Amino acid sequence: MKEKVAVATVQGRAYFLLVNALREQGIGFVSLMPGEPMPTKVKVVITTEKEKSKVNYEKILVFQGEEQLESLIIEVKKLLLGKETYEKMVVGIDPGEAIGLAVLADGKVIEESNCYSSHELTCSILKVLKTVNFDATSAVVKIGNGVPIYRELLEDLDYSLPAQVTLEVVSEAGTNRPQKVHSRKIRHISSAIRIAGRNGPKYTRRKTIASNSTTQ
């Protein structure tokens, strides 16, 4: 078997949400009853708070409800990569009518999507950052400067993101390469991945300045 995730619950709603989220992310899983023996290749078990005591396994993640589901899946991906924590998380943003978003953790793409508003963009990034321990993981958000709207997005990100996050503005020159598959969605995400791999000047965080001034 290649499935490295076990879903151990008999609660119908929890099971439905979990397996659909795993399928959407292309993560293989095996369904088990709480208390059943674990297959040898399983790396992480997902269960509920009520059933946790019945699961005898080292790596257990607890389903806390639909609103925490995306953060749970991010944790699953981290454990499947053999990571207890990431050293560096980089978010690449390709501004435009459709905003390409890519999240790389220690060089691996763990999230990618297209957003259609500044609010959707910041919410998507914040969901990922919920799982970050800033004492162990550095976080950088890099935004391309190819279209004027990047300035508005940058201000919104500065206001919304934790002060520990570094913001950088990078050149988009050469990031919009032709794709074999002619899809705008794929193009924006591919550009975001390339933007994440570039360096640019740091944007001075107003939130950081405000935080420092209150401690003096």
Foldseek 3Di string as FASTA:
>chain_A
DQQQEEEAEPDDVVVVLQVVVCVVQVHHYHYDHQQDDDDPNHQEYEYAPVSVVSHDDDHYDHDPDDVLNVLSVLVVVCRVVVHPAFAEKEWFWEDDCWIWIFIATPRHTDDTFTDRDLVRVLVVVVSNCVNHDLVRYQAEYEYEDPDPCVVVSVVSCLVRPDPRYWYFYDHLVPLQDDDPPPDPTVSNNSSRSVRRVDGGDIDDRPVNVVVVVVVD
